Protein backbone atom coordinates (compact mmCIF):
# COMPACT_ATOMS: atom_id res chain seq x y z
CA UNK A 1 -22.13 46.23 25.74
CA UNK A 2 -19.59 43.51 24.42
CA UNK A 3 -18.17 43.55 21.23
CA UNK A 4 -17.27 40.38 19.03
CA UNK A 5 -13.59 40.82 19.60
CA UNK A 6 -10.99 41.08 21.96
CA UNK A 7 -9.55 44.70 21.26
CA UNK A 8 -5.84 45.11 23.62
CA UNK A 9 -3.95 47.76 24.46
CA UNK A 10 -0.56 47.57 22.60
CA UNK A 11 2.28 49.82 21.82
CA UNK A 12 2.08 52.55 19.03
CA UNK A 13 4.71 50.49 16.83
CA UNK A 14 1.66 47.87 16.29
CA UNK A 15 -0.14 49.56 13.83
CA UNK A 16 -1.45 47.15 11.14
CA UNK A 17 -2.56 48.21 7.73
CA UNK A 18 -5.23 46.77 6.14
CA UNK A 19 -8.17 47.77 3.66
CA UNK A 20 -10.72 50.16 4.71
CA UNK A 21 -14.54 51.20 4.24
CA UNK A 22 -14.59 54.63 4.35
CA UNK A 23 -17.66 56.87 5.32
CA UNK A 24 -17.73 60.31 6.85
CA UNK A 25 -17.70 61.54 10.42
CA UNK A 26 -17.63 65.31 10.41
CA UNK A 27 -16.48 66.27 14.23
CA UNK A 28 -15.58 69.06 16.36
CA UNK A 29 -13.01 68.72 19.33
CA UNK A 30 -13.85 71.01 22.64
CA UNK A 31 -11.15 71.86 24.60
CA UNK A 32 -9.93 73.27 27.57
CA UNK A 33 -6.23 73.85 28.99
CA UNK A 34 -5.03 71.58 31.40
CA UNK A 35 -0.71 71.28 31.89
CA UNK A 36 1.91 72.26 29.74
CA UNK A 37 -0.33 74.87 28.30
CA UNK A 38 -2.13 72.04 26.35
CA UNK A 39 -5.52 71.63 25.48
CA UNK A 40 -7.37 68.43 26.62
CA UNK A 41 -10.56 67.38 25.15
CA UNK A 42 -13.71 67.24 27.04
CA UNK A 43 -16.54 66.81 24.06
CA UNK A 44 -16.54 64.90 20.65
CA UNK A 45 -19.47 66.34 18.53
CA UNK A 46 -20.23 65.67 14.89
CA UNK A 47 -22.40 64.06 12.41
CA UNK A 48 -21.95 60.54 10.85
CA UNK A 49 -22.74 60.39 7.50
CA UNK A 50 -23.30 57.03 6.79
CA UNK A 51 -24.12 55.42 10.00
CA UNK A 52 -25.68 52.00 9.65
CA UNK A 53 -29.51 52.23 10.40
CA UNK A 54 -29.45 50.03 12.88
CA UNK A 55 -27.09 51.72 15.01
CA UNK A 56 -28.97 52.55 18.47
CA UNK A 57 -25.82 54.13 20.09
CA UNK A 58 -22.37 55.18 20.16
CA UNK A 59 -20.34 54.47 23.36
CA UNK A 60 -16.36 55.65 23.90
CA UNK A 61 -14.61 53.39 25.68
CA UNK A 62 -11.47 52.42 27.29
CA UNK A 63 -10.24 48.67 27.97
CA UNK A 64 -8.71 46.76 30.46
CA UNK A 65 -7.78 42.67 31.01
CA UNK A 66 -10.63 42.29 28.34
CA UNK A 67 -12.84 44.68 30.75
CA UNK A 68 -14.27 47.76 29.31
CA UNK A 69 -15.54 50.84 30.85
CA UNK A 70 -17.63 53.73 28.84
CA UNK A 71 -16.48 56.92 29.60
CA UNK A 72 -19.03 58.42 26.87
CA UNK A 73 -22.33 57.61 25.40
CA UNK A 74 -24.69 59.07 22.74
CA UNK A 75 -27.85 58.48 20.76
CA UNK A 76 -27.69 59.79 17.26
CA UNK A 77 -30.76 61.78 15.89
CA UNK A 78 -32.44 61.68 12.86
CA UNK A 79 -29.17 63.61 11.14
CA UNK A 80 -27.10 61.17 12.48
CA UNK A 81 -25.65 63.94 14.94
CA UNK A 82 -23.91 62.81 18.46
CA UNK A 83 -22.28 64.76 21.08
CA UNK A 84 -19.92 62.49 23.25
CA UNK A 85 -19.15 64.03 26.47
CA UNK A 86 -16.00 62.33 27.82
CA UNK A 87 -15.54 61.50 31.10
CA UNK A 88 -12.52 60.57 33.25
CA UNK A 89 -12.18 56.63 33.38
CA UNK A 90 -11.29 54.68 36.75
CA UNK A 91 -8.07 54.16 37.99
CA UNK A 92 -8.28 50.51 37.50
CA UNK A 93 -8.61 51.05 33.61
CA UNK A 94 -5.33 52.84 33.59
CA UNK A 95 -1.71 51.53 32.67
CA UNK A 96 1.32 52.95 33.64
CA UNK A 97 3.55 54.90 30.62
CA UNK A 98 6.17 52.61 30.89
CA UNK A 99 3.83 49.55 29.23
CA UNK A 100 4.11 51.58 26.08
CA UNK A 101 7.34 50.68 25.25
CA UNK A 102 8.06 47.16 25.01
CA UNK A 103 11.47 47.39 24.14
CA UNK A 104 12.21 49.57 27.10
CA UNK A 105 13.82 51.67 24.81
CA UNK A 106 16.32 53.84 26.54
CA UNK A 107 16.07 56.63 23.73
CA UNK A 108 12.65 57.41 25.11
CA UNK A 109 12.50 60.22 27.58
CA UNK A 110 9.50 60.29 30.37
CA UNK A 111 8.71 63.34 32.70
CA UNK A 112 6.54 61.08 35.00
CA UNK A 113 6.95 57.24 34.99
CA UNK A 114 3.90 57.21 37.43
CA UNK A 115 1.56 58.71 34.68
CA UNK A 116 -1.41 56.41 34.07
CA UNK A 117 -2.91 56.42 30.70
CA UNK A 118 -5.37 54.69 28.16
CA UNK A 119 -6.82 54.94 24.81
CA UNK A 120 -10.00 55.97 23.39
CA UNK A 121 -12.40 53.40 21.50
CA UNK A 122 -15.52 54.47 19.75
CA UNK A 123 -17.75 52.06 19.04
CA UNK A 124 -21.62 51.40 17.70
CA UNK A 125 -24.09 49.30 19.21
CA UNK A 126 -27.77 48.09 17.95
CA UNK A 127 -30.82 48.32 19.95
CA UNK A 128 -29.92 44.67 21.34
CA UNK A 129 -26.47 46.16 22.76
CA UNK A 130 -24.86 44.12 19.85
CA UNK A 131 -21.41 45.52 18.47
CA UNK A 132 -22.09 46.68 15.16
CA UNK A 133 -18.61 48.22 14.42
CA UNK A 134 -15.92 50.92 14.94
CA UNK A 135 -15.42 54.65 14.46
CA UNK A 136 -11.98 55.58 13.61
CA UNK A 137 -10.23 58.82 11.88
CA UNK A 138 -7.46 59.29 9.33
CA UNK A 139 -6.55 60.57 6.19
CA UNK A 140 -6.93 57.18 4.03
CA UNK A 141 -8.79 58.31 1.23
CA UNK A 142 -5.89 60.59 0.18
CA UNK A 143 -3.16 58.48 1.55
CA UNK A 144 -3.72 54.83 1.87
CA UNK A 145 -0.84 53.78 3.98
CA UNK A 146 1.93 55.73 2.67
CA UNK A 147 4.11 58.24 2.99
CA UNK A 148 2.01 60.90 4.57
CA UNK A 149 -0.59 58.40 6.05
CA UNK A 150 -1.63 59.52 9.66
CA UNK A 151 -3.96 58.22 11.97
CA UNK A 152 -5.76 60.33 14.79
CA UNK A 153 -6.89 59.11 18.12
CA UNK A 154 -7.57 59.93 21.84
CA UNK A 155 -5.19 59.36 25.09
CA UNK A 156 -5.90 59.92 28.46
CA UNK A 157 -3.58 61.09 31.05
CA UNK A 158 -3.92 61.00 34.71
CA UNK A 159 -1.33 64.00 34.86
CA UNK A 160 0.60 66.22 32.81
CA UNK A 161 3.29 64.25 30.80
CA UNK A 162 6.14 64.83 28.31
CA UNK A 163 6.91 62.34 26.09
CA UNK A 164 10.25 62.69 23.75
CA UNK A 165 12.80 60.75 21.93
CA UNK A 166 13.07 57.24 19.68
CA UNK A 167 11.68 53.93 19.90
CA UNK A 168 12.86 51.36 17.43
CA UNK A 169 11.15 48.09 16.96
CA UNK A 170 12.99 45.37 14.52
CA UNK A 171 10.26 42.78 15.03
CA UNK A 172 7.30 45.22 13.77
CA UNK A 173 9.46 47.17 11.50
CA UNK A 174 9.13 50.42 12.79
CA UNK A 175 11.23 53.28 14.02
CA UNK A 176 8.83 55.72 16.22
CA UNK A 177 9.57 59.37 16.81
CA UNK A 178 7.56 60.65 20.01
CA UNK A 179 6.79 64.47 20.55
CA UNK A 180 4.18 64.80 22.92
CA UNK A 181 2.84 66.54 25.80
CA UNK A 182 0.18 65.46 27.76
CA UNK A 183 -2.12 67.53 29.48
CA UNK A 184 -4.54 66.10 32.73
CA UNK A 185 -7.62 64.76 30.70
CA UNK A 186 -8.07 63.45 27.14
CA UNK A 187 -5.38 64.46 24.45
CA UNK A 188 -5.80 64.51 20.71
CA UNK A 189 -2.51 62.57 19.25
CA UNK A 190 -1.79 61.79 15.90
CA UNK A 191 0.91 59.28 14.26
CA UNK A 192 1.93 59.65 10.76
CA UNK A 193 4.38 57.79 8.38
CA UNK A 194 7.42 59.71 7.39
CA UNK A 195 8.82 57.21 5.46
CA UNK A 196 8.42 53.49 4.12
CA UNK A 197 11.79 51.76 3.02
CA UNK A 198 11.67 47.86 2.73
CA UNK A 199 8.92 47.43 4.41
CA UNK A 200 10.38 49.57 7.43
CA UNK A 201 8.08 52.41 8.67
CA UNK A 202 9.38 55.33 10.51
CA UNK A 203 6.34 57.13 12.62
CA UNK A 204 6.13 60.31 13.69
CA UNK A 205 3.89 60.98 16.93
CA UNK A 206 3.02 64.26 18.12
CA UNK A 207 0.18 66.52 19.49
CA UNK A 208 -2.95 67.50 17.55
CA UNK A 209 -4.15 66.33 13.90
CA UNK A 210 -2.89 67.99 10.32
CA UNK A 211 -5.71 68.68 8.24
CA UNK A 212 -7.33 66.23 5.95
CA UNK A 213 -8.49 63.24 8.14
CA UNK A 214 -11.92 62.01 8.26
CA UNK A 215 -14.05 59.63 10.63
CA UNK A 216 -15.34 56.33 9.24
CA UNK A 217 -17.27 53.76 10.41
CA UNK A 218 -16.17 49.98 9.74
CA UNK A 219 -18.26 46.86 10.65
CA UNK A 220 -17.26 44.02 12.63
CA UNK A 221 -16.02 42.08 9.85
CA UNK A 222 -12.97 44.42 9.35
CA UNK A 223 -12.61 46.37 12.25
CA UNK A 224 -12.13 43.04 14.30
CA UNK A 225 -9.20 41.92 11.88
CA UNK A 226 -6.64 44.82 12.49
CA UNK A 227 -4.96 47.03 15.12
CA UNK A 228 -6.45 50.15 14.04
CA UNK A 229 -6.39 52.53 17.37
CA UNK A 230 -2.84 54.24 17.87
CA UNK A 231 -2.32 52.74 21.10
CA UNK A 232 -2.99 49.17 22.02
CA UNK A 233 -1.15 46.52 24.43
């Protein structure tokens, strides 16, 4: 299983805005309570409308130093329905939470500096294990990178963790406001553009997801060009 690009894990600030090809994946999150009275996700189920016919399986992946670990895999049925039951990634595929904040912002508060985290990439492969594309979730159709645009992702934490405060990044022209409670396991996280002024973005990052998002597939030519997942390094 190998993709054509080297996706890396960068800060929430590096969300690039490019063109999309949107198809629909209806998807449900199955969850349990774990830490801070917060639900963590144990499975993803849904139907991929418009998934290419040559896709043989879909894999949920965490990445570390160009190495990949599959935490879930599913073969679409004849209706392109899938079920990804999410496992916990090994310790060596987790990053220290301090690595999220490239500016070492003093305005971001962490309840536990020893927490280890990583994000989930959802990829499609053909029967020869060739990378076919990536699956994303956002509200691009109704809000293409304007105020109100949001992107949804899954973030794993090895323990309960509270993230709050503000992180300013002049280089990437972003101000990010964090308000996240993570449970031990996989957590649904949203980043939403609250304001855009002079190409400067204000982002709000919080638990759960608003209404209006859709899952969609992108082939390698487009998905390789951008950092569309919420958390990178």
